[in-house]
Full PDB file with SEQRES, HELIX, SHEET, SSBOND, CRYST1, ORIGX, SCALE, CONECT and MASTER records, all heavy atoms in Angstrom:
SEQRES   1 A   35  ASP LEU ARG GLU GLY ARG PHE VAL SER VAL VAL HIS ASN          
SEQRES   2 A   35  VAL PHE THR GLY GLU GLU ARG VAL LEU GLY ARG ALA LEU          
SEQRES   3 A   35  SER GLY VAL SER ALA ASP GLY ARG LYS                          
SHEET    1 AA1 2 LEU A   2  ARG A   3  0                                        
SHEET    2 AA1 2 ARG A   6  PHE A   7 -1                                        
SHEET    1 AA2 2 SER A   9  HIS A  12  0                                        
SHEET    2 AA2 2 GLU A  19  LEU A  22 -1                                        
CRYST1    1.000    1.000    1.000  90.00  90.00  90.00 P 1           1          
ORIGX1      1.000000  0.000000  0.000000        0.00000                         
ORIGX2      0.000000  1.000000  0.000000        0.00000                         
ORIGX3      0.000000  0.000000  1.000000        0.00000                         
SCALE1      1.000000  0.000000  0.000000        0.00000                         
SCALE2      0.000000  1.000000  0.000000        0.00000                         
SCALE3      0.000000  0.000000  1.000000        0.00000                         
ATOM      1  N   ASP A   1       0.851  -1.186   0.002  1.00  0.00           N  
ATOM      2  CA  ASP A   1       0.000   0.002  -0.002  1.00  0.00           C  
ATOM      3  C   ASP A   1       0.892   1.240   0.002  1.00  0.00           C  
ATOM      4  O   ASP A   1       2.099   1.155   0.220  1.00  0.00           O  
ATOM      5  CB  ASP A   1      -0.915  -0.005   1.229  1.00  0.00           C  
ATOM      6  CG  ASP A   1      -2.081   0.970   1.114  1.00  0.00           C  
ATOM      7  OD1 ASP A   1      -2.268   1.586   0.038  1.00  0.00           O  
ATOM      8  OD2 ASP A   1      -2.819   1.122   2.102  1.00  0.00           O  
ATOM      9  N   LEU A   2       0.288   2.373  -0.229  1.00  0.00           N  
ATOM     10  CA  LEU A   2       0.954   3.662  -0.149  1.00  0.00           C  
ATOM     11  C   LEU A   2       0.317   4.399   1.020  1.00  0.00           C  
ATOM     12  O   LEU A   2      -0.877   4.735   0.973  1.00  0.00           O  
ATOM     13  CB  LEU A   2       0.759   4.453  -1.447  1.00  0.00           C  
ATOM     14  CG  LEU A   2       1.403   5.829  -1.511  1.00  0.00           C  
ATOM     15  CD1 LEU A   2       2.930   5.727  -1.437  1.00  0.00           C  
ATOM     16  CD2 LEU A   2       0.987   6.543  -2.792  1.00  0.00           C  
ATOM     17  N   ARG A   3       1.072   4.587   2.093  1.00  0.00           N  
ATOM     18  CA  ARG A   3       0.552   5.252   3.290  1.00  0.00           C  
ATOM     19  C   ARG A   3       1.511   6.347   3.721  1.00  0.00           C  
ATOM     20  O   ARG A   3       2.717   6.110   3.815  1.00  0.00           O  
ATOM     21  CB  ARG A   3       0.331   4.252   4.433  1.00  0.00           C  
ATOM     22  CG  ARG A   3      -0.734   3.222   4.064  1.00  0.00           C  
ATOM     23  CD  ARG A   3      -1.185   2.417   5.216  1.00  0.00           C  
ATOM     24  NE  ARG A   3      -2.217   1.462   4.811  1.00  0.00           N  
ATOM     25  CZ  ARG A   3      -2.775   0.607   5.627  1.00  0.00           C  
ATOM     26  NH1 ARG A   3      -2.441   0.579   6.901  1.00  0.00           N  
ATOM     27  NH2 ARG A   3      -3.703  -0.233   5.185  1.00  0.00           N  
ATOM     28  N   GLU A   4       0.959   7.510   3.957  1.00  0.00           N  
ATOM     29  CA  GLU A   4       1.743   8.680   4.370  1.00  0.00           C  
ATOM     30  C   GLU A   4       2.913   8.918   3.417  1.00  0.00           C  
ATOM     31  O   GLU A   4       4.025   9.242   3.829  1.00  0.00           O  
ATOM     32  CB  GLU A   4       2.228   8.524   5.812  1.00  0.00           C  
ATOM     33  CG  GLU A   4       1.088   8.429   6.810  1.00  0.00           C  
ATOM     34  CD  GLU A   4       1.553   8.194   8.234  1.00  0.00           C  
ATOM     35  OE1 GLU A   4       2.752   8.337   8.523  1.00  0.00           O  
ATOM     36  OE2 GLU A   4       0.687   7.862   9.064  1.00  0.00           O  
ATOM     37  N   GLY A   5       2.661   8.725   2.110  1.00  0.00           N  
ATOM     38  CA  GLY A   5       3.667   9.003   1.088  1.00  0.00           C  
ATOM     39  C   GLY A   5       4.737   7.947   0.935  1.00  0.00           C  
ATOM     40  O   GLY A   5       5.687   8.143   0.180  1.00  0.00           O  
ATOM     41  N   ARG A   6       4.612   6.817   1.622  1.00  0.00           N  
ATOM     42  CA  ARG A   6       5.625   5.747   1.551  1.00  0.00           C  
ATOM     43  C   ARG A   6       4.994   4.434   1.126  1.00  0.00           C  
ATOM     44  O   ARG A   6       3.883   4.114   1.536  1.00  0.00           O  
ATOM     45  CB  ARG A   6       6.262   5.533   2.931  1.00  0.00           C  
ATOM     46  CG  ARG A   6       7.107   6.684   3.404  1.00  0.00           C  
ATOM     47  CD  ARG A   6       7.834   6.304   4.636  1.00  0.00           C  
ATOM     48  NE  ARG A   6       8.442   4.982   4.437  1.00  0.00           N  
ATOM     49  CZ  ARG A   6       9.392   4.485   5.192  1.00  0.00           C  
ATOM     50  NH1 ARG A   6       9.843   5.162   6.190  1.00  0.00           N  
ATOM     51  NH2 ARG A   6       9.885   3.286   4.962  1.00  0.00           N  
ATOM     52  N   PHE A   7       5.748   3.657   0.332  1.00  0.00           N  
ATOM     53  CA  PHE A   7       5.302   2.314  -0.005  1.00  0.00           C  
ATOM     54  C   PHE A   7       5.602   1.397   1.174  1.00  0.00           C  
ATOM     55  O   PHE A   7       6.742   1.346   1.660  1.00  0.00           O  
ATOM     56  CB  PHE A   7       6.009   1.806  -1.270  1.00  0.00           C  
ATOM     57  CG  PHE A   7       5.529   2.495  -2.508  1.00  0.00           C  
ATOM     58  CD1 PHE A   7       6.298   3.467  -3.115  1.00  0.00           C  
ATOM     59  CD2 PHE A   7       4.301   2.182  -3.058  1.00  0.00           C  
ATOM     60  CE1 PHE A   7       5.857   4.113  -4.262  1.00  0.00           C  
ATOM     61  CE2 PHE A   7       3.836   2.824  -4.201  1.00  0.00           C  
ATOM     62  CZ  PHE A   7       4.622   3.788  -4.795  1.00  0.00           C  
ATOM     63  N   VAL A   8       4.598   0.702   1.648  1.00  0.00           N  
ATOM     64  CA  VAL A   8       4.707  -0.171   2.810  1.00  0.00           C  
ATOM     65  C   VAL A   8       4.029  -1.502   2.494  1.00  0.00           C  
ATOM     66  O   VAL A   8       3.319  -1.637   1.504  1.00  0.00           O  
ATOM     67  CB  VAL A   8       4.047   0.456   4.063  1.00  0.00           C  
ATOM     68  CG1 VAL A   8       4.733   1.753   4.463  1.00  0.00           C  
ATOM     69  CG2 VAL A   8       2.552   0.667   3.845  1.00  0.00           C  
ATOM     70  N   SER A   9       4.220  -2.465   3.369  1.00  0.00           N  
ATOM     71  CA  SER A   9       3.481  -3.712   3.298  1.00  0.00           C  
ATOM     72  C   SER A   9       2.603  -3.794   4.539  1.00  0.00           C  
ATOM     73  O   SER A   9       3.003  -3.365   5.630  1.00  0.00           O  
ATOM     74  CB  SER A   9       4.426  -4.913   3.253  1.00  0.00           C  
ATOM     75  OG  SER A   9       3.672  -6.103   3.066  1.00  0.00           O  
ATOM     76  N   VAL A  10       1.415  -4.317   4.365  1.00  0.00           N  
ATOM     77  CA  VAL A  10       0.452  -4.441   5.467  1.00  0.00           C  
ATOM     78  C   VAL A  10       0.228  -5.931   5.712  1.00  0.00           C  
ATOM     79  O   VAL A  10      -0.065  -6.683   4.786  1.00  0.00           O  
ATOM     80  CB  VAL A  10      -0.888  -3.762   5.093  1.00  0.00           C  
ATOM     81  CG1 VAL A  10      -1.899  -3.933   6.214  1.00  0.00           C  
ATOM     82  CG2 VAL A  10      -0.664  -2.297   4.773  1.00  0.00           C  
ATOM     83  N   VAL A  11       0.377  -6.341   6.968  1.00  0.00           N  
ATOM     84  CA  VAL A  11       0.012  -7.699   7.381  1.00  0.00           C  
ATOM     85  C   VAL A  11      -1.374  -7.587   7.996  1.00  0.00           C  
ATOM     86  O   VAL A  11      -1.578  -6.822   8.942  1.00  0.00           O  
ATOM     87  CB  VAL A  11       1.027  -8.280   8.390  1.00  0.00           C  
ATOM     88  CG1 VAL A  11       0.584  -9.671   8.852  1.00  0.00           C  
ATOM     89  CG2 VAL A  11       2.424  -8.328   7.772  1.00  0.00           C  
ATOM     90  N   HIS A  12      -2.327  -8.316   7.440  1.00  0.00           N  
ATOM     91  CA  HIS A  12      -3.747  -8.161   7.804  1.00  0.00           C  
ATOM     92  C   HIS A  12      -4.320  -9.499   8.249  1.00  0.00           C  
ATOM     93  O   HIS A  12      -4.183 -10.500   7.551  1.00  0.00           O  
ATOM     94  CB  HIS A  12      -4.510  -7.641   6.588  1.00  0.00           C  
ATOM     95  CG  HIS A  12      -5.939  -7.328   6.844  1.00  0.00           C  
ATOM     96  ND1 HIS A  12      -6.384  -6.051   7.075  1.00  0.00           N  
ATOM     97  CD2 HIS A  12      -7.030  -8.121   6.911  1.00  0.00           C  
ATOM     98  CE1 HIS A  12      -7.692  -6.071   7.270  1.00  0.00           C  
ATOM     99  NE2 HIS A  12      -8.113  -7.325   7.165  1.00  0.00           N  
ATOM    100  N   ASN A  13      -4.975  -9.513   9.416  1.00  0.00           N  
ATOM    101  CA  ASN A  13      -5.670 -10.700   9.904  1.00  0.00           C  
ATOM    102  C   ASN A  13      -7.059 -10.705   9.283  1.00  0.00           C  
ATOM    103  O   ASN A  13      -7.844  -9.780   9.506  1.00  0.00           O  
ATOM    104  CB  ASN A  13      -5.757 -10.680  11.430  1.00  0.00           C  
ATOM    105  CG  ASN A  13      -6.383 -11.927  11.992  1.00  0.00           C  
ATOM    106  OD1 ASN A  13      -7.476 -12.325  11.609  1.00  0.00           O  
ATOM    107  ND2 ASN A  13      -5.686 -12.542  12.937  1.00  0.00           N  
ATOM    108  N   VAL A  14      -7.390 -11.738   8.499  1.00  0.00           N  
ATOM    109  CA  VAL A  14      -8.651 -11.757   7.749  1.00  0.00           C  
ATOM    110  C   VAL A  14      -9.868 -11.959   8.645  1.00  0.00           C  
ATOM    111  O   VAL A  14     -11.001 -11.718   8.207  1.00  0.00           O  
ATOM    112  CB  VAL A  14      -8.648 -12.822   6.628  1.00  0.00           C  
ATOM    113  CG1 VAL A  14      -7.508 -12.546   5.651  1.00  0.00           C  
ATOM    114  CG2 VAL A  14      -8.564 -14.230   7.172  1.00  0.00           C  
ATOM    115  N   PHE A  15      -9.680 -12.381   9.895  1.00  0.00           N  
ATOM    116  CA  PHE A  15     -10.808 -12.593  10.803  1.00  0.00           C  
ATOM    117  C   PHE A  15     -11.043 -11.411  11.737  1.00  0.00           C  
ATOM    118  O   PHE A  15     -12.178 -11.021  11.973  1.00  0.00           O  
ATOM    119  CB  PHE A  15     -10.609 -13.875  11.618  1.00  0.00           C  
ATOM    120  CG  PHE A  15     -10.569 -15.101  10.753  1.00  0.00           C  
ATOM    121  CD1 PHE A  15      -9.383 -15.792  10.558  1.00  0.00           C  
ATOM    122  CD2 PHE A  15     -11.705 -15.556  10.100  1.00  0.00           C  
ATOM    123  CE1 PHE A  15      -9.345 -16.910   9.746  1.00  0.00           C  
ATOM    124  CE2 PHE A  15     -11.677 -16.681   9.286  1.00  0.00           C  
ATOM    125  CZ  PHE A  15     -10.487 -17.348   9.113  1.00  0.00           C  
ATOM    126  N   THR A  16      -9.950 -10.817  12.249  1.00  0.00           N  
ATOM    127  CA  THR A  16     -10.096  -9.728  13.218  1.00  0.00           C  
ATOM    128  C   THR A  16      -9.980  -8.349  12.588  1.00  0.00           C  
ATOM    129  O   THR A  16     -10.394  -7.364  13.186  1.00  0.00           O  
ATOM    130  CB  THR A  16      -9.033  -9.828  14.328  1.00  0.00           C  
ATOM    131  OG1 THR A  16      -7.729  -9.587  13.757  1.00  0.00           O  
ATOM    132  CG2 THR A  16      -9.072 -11.188  15.010  1.00  0.00           C  
ATOM    133  N   GLY A  17      -9.374  -8.262  11.402  1.00  0.00           N  
ATOM    134  CA  GLY A  17      -9.146  -6.964  10.767  1.00  0.00           C  
ATOM    135  C   GLY A  17      -7.915  -6.254  11.299  1.00  0.00           C  
ATOM    136  O   GLY A  17      -7.565  -5.182  10.820  1.00  0.00           O  
ATOM    137  N   GLU A  18      -7.243  -6.843  12.279  1.00  0.00           N  
ATOM    138  CA  GLU A  18      -6.043  -6.230  12.845  1.00  0.00           C  
ATOM    139  C   GLU A  18      -4.967  -6.125  11.777  1.00  0.00           C  
ATOM    140  O   GLU A  18      -4.750  -7.047  10.996  1.00  0.00           O  
ATOM    141  CB  GLU A  18      -5.530  -7.069  14.011  1.00  0.00           C  
ATOM    142  CG  GLU A  18      -4.309  -6.499  14.685  1.00  0.00           C  
ATOM    143  CD  GLU A  18      -3.817  -7.368  15.838  1.00  0.00           C  
ATOM    144  OE1 GLU A  18      -4.569  -8.244  16.297  1.00  0.00           O  
ATOM    145  OE2 GLU A  18      -2.677  -7.156  16.263  1.00  0.00           O  
ATOM    146  N   GLU A  19      -4.291  -4.962  11.720  1.00  0.00           N  
ATOM    147  CA  GLU A  19      -3.238  -4.731  10.733  1.00  0.00           C  
ATOM    148  C   GLU A  19      -1.936  -4.334  11.416  1.00  0.00           C  
ATOM    149  O   GLU A  19      -1.940  -3.668  12.446  1.00  0.00           O  
ATOM    150  CB  GLU A  19      -3.630  -3.599   9.773  1.00  0.00           C  
ATOM    151  CG  GLU A  19      -4.719  -3.950   8.809  1.00  0.00           C  
ATOM    152  CD  GLU A  19      -4.966  -2.880   7.785  1.00  0.00           C  
ATOM    153  OE1 GLU A  19      -4.539  -1.719   7.962  1.00  0.00           O  
ATOM    154  OE2 GLU A  19      -5.588  -3.203   6.763  1.00  0.00           O  
ATOM    155  N   ARG A  20      -0.846  -4.762  10.802  1.00  0.00           N  
ATOM    156  CA  ARG A  20       0.490  -4.339  11.215  1.00  0.00           C  
ATOM    157  C   ARG A  20       1.169  -3.815   9.964  1.00  0.00           C  
ATOM    158  O   ARG A  20       1.199  -4.497   8.932  1.00  0.00           O  
ATOM    159  CB  ARG A  20       1.270  -5.528  11.783  1.00  0.00           C  
ATOM    160  CG  ARG A  20       2.655  -5.157  12.266  1.00  0.00           C  
ATOM    161  CD  ARG A  20       3.295  -6.283  13.078  1.00  0.00           C  
ATOM    162  NE  ARG A  20       3.227  -7.566  12.403  1.00  0.00           N  
ATOM    163  CZ  ARG A  20       4.294  -8.207  11.901  1.00  0.00           C  
ATOM    164  NH1 ARG A  20       5.493  -7.686  11.993  1.00  0.00           N  
ATOM    165  NH2 ARG A  20       4.143  -9.374  11.299  1.00  0.00           N  
ATOM    166  N   VAL A  21       1.693  -2.596  10.013  1.00  0.00           N  
ATOM    167  CA  VAL A  21       2.316  -1.973   8.845  1.00  0.00           C  
ATOM    168  C   VAL A  21       3.825  -2.138   8.948  1.00  0.00           C  
ATOM    169  O   VAL A  21       4.435  -1.782   9.956  1.00  0.00           O  
ATOM    170  CB  VAL A  21       1.937  -0.471   8.758  1.00  0.00           C  
ATOM    171  CG1 VAL A  21       2.644   0.189   7.578  1.00  0.00           C  
ATOM    172  CG2 VAL A  21       0.431  -0.315   8.640  1.00  0.00           C  
ATOM    173  N   LEU A  22       4.407  -2.704   7.889  1.00  0.00           N  
ATOM    174  CA  LEU A  22       5.861  -2.863   7.805  1.00  0.00           C  
ATOM    175  C   LEU A  22       6.434  -1.667   7.059  1.00  0.00           C  
ATOM    176  O   LEU A  22       5.780  -1.123   6.167  1.00  0.00           O  
ATOM    177  CB  LEU A  22       6.213  -4.161   7.079  1.00  0.00           C  
ATOM    178  CG  LEU A  22       5.583  -5.428   7.654  1.00  0.00           C  
ATOM    179  CD1 LEU A  22       5.965  -6.637   6.800  1.00  0.00           C  
ATOM    180  CD2 LEU A  22       5.986  -5.638   9.097  1.00  0.00           C  
ATOM    181  N   GLY A  23       7.643  -1.276   7.375  1.00  0.00           N  
ATOM    182  CA  GLY A  23       8.248  -0.058   6.843  1.00  0.00           C  
ATOM    183  C   GLY A  23       8.605  -0.074   5.375  1.00  0.00           C  
ATOM    184  O   GLY A  23       8.980   0.962   4.820  1.00  0.00           O  
ATOM    185  N   ARG A  24       8.501  -1.219   4.728  1.00  0.00           N  
ATOM    186  CA  ARG A  24       8.838  -1.319   3.300  1.00  0.00           C  
ATOM    187  C   ARG A  24       7.816  -2.205   2.601  1.00  0.00           C  
ATOM    188  O   ARG A  24       7.270  -3.113   3.183  1.00  0.00           O  
ATOM    189  CB  ARG A  24      10.219  -1.921   3.088  1.00  0.00           C  
ATOM    190  CG  ARG A  24      11.337  -1.044   3.587  1.00  0.00           C  
ATOM    191  CD  ARG A  24      12.671  -1.626   3.140  1.00  0.00           C  
ATOM    192  NE  ARG A  24      13.758  -0.743   3.490  1.00  0.00           N  
ATOM    193  CZ  ARG A  24      14.230   0.194   2.686  1.00  0.00           C  
ATOM    194  NH1 ARG A  24      13.717   0.386   1.510  1.00  0.00           N  
ATOM    195  NH2 ARG A  24      15.233   0.948   3.067  1.00  0.00           N  
ATOM    196  N   ALA A  25       7.621  -1.945   1.320  1.00  0.00           N  
ATOM    197  CA  ALA A  25       6.768  -2.810   0.501  1.00  0.00           C  
ATOM    198  C   ALA A  25       7.520  -4.111   0.248  1.00  0.00           C  
ATOM    199  O   ALA A  25       8.746  -4.122   0.152  1.00  0.00           O  
ATOM    200  CB  ALA A  25       6.433  -2.120  -0.813  1.00  0.00           C  
ATOM    201  N   LEU A  26       6.799  -5.218   0.135  1.00  0.00           N  
ATOM    202  CA  LEU A  26       7.407  -6.523  -0.086  1.00  0.00           C  
ATOM    203  C   LEU A  26       7.188  -6.993  -1.516  1.00  0.00           C  
ATOM    204  O   LEU A  26       6.118  -6.817  -2.078  1.00  0.00           O  
ATOM    205  CB  LEU A  26       6.816  -7.559   0.873  1.00  0.00           C  
ATOM    206  CG  LEU A  26       7.127  -7.349   2.352  1.00  0.00           C  
ATOM    207  CD1 LEU A  26       6.330  -8.327   3.196  1.00  0.00           C  
ATOM    208  CD2 LEU A  26       8.616  -7.499   2.608  1.00  0.00           C  
ATOM    209  N   SER A  27       8.215  -7.610  -2.076  1.00  0.00           N  
ATOM    210  CA  SER A  27       8.070  -8.215  -3.390  1.00  0.00           C  
ATOM    211  C   SER A  27       8.010  -9.727  -3.287  1.00  0.00           C  
ATOM    212  O   SER A  27       7.572 -10.394  -4.214  1.00  0.00           O  
ATOM    213  CB  SER A  27       9.216  -7.792  -4.317  1.00  0.00           C  
ATOM    214  OG  SER A  27      10.447  -8.197  -3.772  1.00  0.00           O  
ATOM    215  N   GLY A  28       8.439 -10.274  -2.177  1.00  0.00           N  
ATOM    216  CA  GLY A  28       8.386 -11.715  -1.962  1.00  0.00           C  
ATOM    217  C   GLY A  28       8.515 -12.025  -0.483  1.00  0.00           C  
ATOM    218  O   GLY A  28       9.103 -11.255   0.268  1.00  0.00           O  
ATOM    219  N   VAL A  29       7.932 -13.154  -0.091  1.00  0.00           N  
ATOM    220  CA  VAL A  29       7.986 -13.600   1.296  1.00  0.00           C  
ATOM    221  C   VAL A  29       8.382 -15.065   1.291  1.00  0.00           C  
ATOM    222  O   VAL A  29       7.926 -15.843   0.439  1.00  0.00           O  
ATOM    223  CB  VAL A  29       6.613 -13.422   1.992  1.00  0.00           C  
ATOM    224  CG1 VAL A  29       6.651 -13.925   3.424  1.00  0.00           C  
ATOM    225  CG2 VAL A  29       6.190 -11.961   1.960  1.00  0.00           C  
ATOM    226  N   SER A  30       9.230 -15.466   2.250  1.00  0.00           N  
ATOM    227  CA  SER A  30       9.656 -16.861   2.341  1.00  0.00           C  
ATOM    228  C   SER A  30       8.447 -17.761   2.606  1.00  0.00           C  
ATOM    229  O   SER A  30       7.408 -17.311   3.095  1.00  0.00           O  
ATOM    230  CB  SER A  30      10.700 -17.030   3.447  1.00  0.00           C  
ATOM    231  OG  SER A  30      10.149 -16.714   4.710  1.00  0.00           O  
ATOM    232  N   ALA A  31       8.599 -19.043   2.304  1.00  0.00           N  
ATOM    233  CA  ALA A  31       7.502 -20.007   2.450  1.00  0.00           C  
ATOM    234  C   ALA A  31       6.981 -20.069   3.885  1.00  0.00           C  
ATOM    235  O   ALA A  31       5.789 -20.289   4.106  1.00  0.00           O  
ATOM    236  CB  ALA A  31       7.953 -21.390   1.989  1.00  0.00           C  
ATOM    237  N   ASP A  32       7.845 -19.846   4.873  1.00  0.00           N  
ATOM    238  CA  ASP A  32       7.392 -19.885   6.268  1.00  0.00           C  
ATOM    239  C   ASP A  32       6.827 -18.548   6.741  1.00  0.00           C  
ATOM    240  O   ASP A  32       6.350 -18.430   7.866  1.00  0.00           O  
ATOM    241  CB  ASP A  32       8.506 -20.360   7.205  1.00  0.00           C  
ATOM    242  CG  ASP A  32       9.696 -19.404   7.275  1.00  0.00           C  
ATOM    243  OD1 ASP A  32       9.645 -18.298   6.678  1.00  0.00           O  
ATOM    244  OD2 ASP A  32      10.687 -19.759   7.937  1.00  0.00           O  
ATOM    245  N   GLY A  33       6.869 -17.528   5.899  1.00  0.00           N  
ATOM    246  CA  GLY A  33       6.298 -16.232   6.236  1.00  0.00           C  
ATOM    247  C   GLY A  33       7.124 -15.391   7.193  1.00  0.00           C  
ATOM    248  O   GLY A  33       6.668 -14.367   7.673  1.00  0.00           O  
ATOM    249  N   ARG A  34       8.348 -15.778   7.441  1.00  0.00           N  
ATOM    250  CA  ARG A  34       9.171 -15.086   8.425  1.00  0.00           C  
ATOM    251  C   ARG A  34      10.153 -14.085   7.832  1.00  0.00           C  
ATOM    252  O   ARG A  34      10.659 -13.224   8.532  1.00  0.00           O  
ATOM    253  CB  ARG A  34       9.910 -16.094   9.285  1.00  0.00           C  
ATOM    254  CG  ARG A  34       8.952 -16.999  10.079  1.00  0.00           C  
ATOM    255  CD  ARG A  34       9.681 -18.095  10.825  1.00  0.00           C  
ATOM    256  NE  ARG A  34      10.752 -17.592  11.643  1.00  0.00           N  
ATOM    257  CZ  ARG A  34      10.657 -17.328  12.947  1.00  0.00           C  
ATOM    258  NH1 ARG A  34       9.510 -17.523  13.552  1.00  0.00           N  
ATOM    259  NH2 ARG A  34      11.687 -16.873  13.628  1.00  0.00           N  
ATOM    260  N   LYS A  35      10.452 -14.199   6.537  1.00  0.00           N  
ATOM    261  CA  LYS A  35      11.410 -13.301   5.886  1.00  0.00           C  
ATOM    262  C   LYS A  35      10.790 -12.753   4.612  1.00  0.00           C  
ATOM    263  O   LYS A  35      10.038 -13.433   3.938  1.00  0.00           O  
ATOM    264  CB  LYS A  35      12.703 -14.048   5.534  1.00  0.00           C  
ATOM    265  CG  LYS A  35      13.448 -14.555   6.741  1.00  0.00           C  
ATOM    266  CD  LYS A  35      14.647 -15.328   6.320  1.00  0.00           C  
ATOM    267  CE  LYS A  35      15.322 -15.955   7.549  1.00  0.00           C  
ATOM    268  NZ  LYS A  35      16.335 -16.909   7.166  1.00  0.00           N  
TER     269      LYS A  35                                                      
MASTER        0    0    0    0    4    0    0    6  268    1    0    3          
END                                                                             
């Protein structure tokens, strides 16, 4: 997403709607979701 003028990545819980914003946009994530 683009938030406050910066490209970021959002981690979103599909059941609760809780979001955590990461400081950079992601182009890929490891299979375990940790990197």
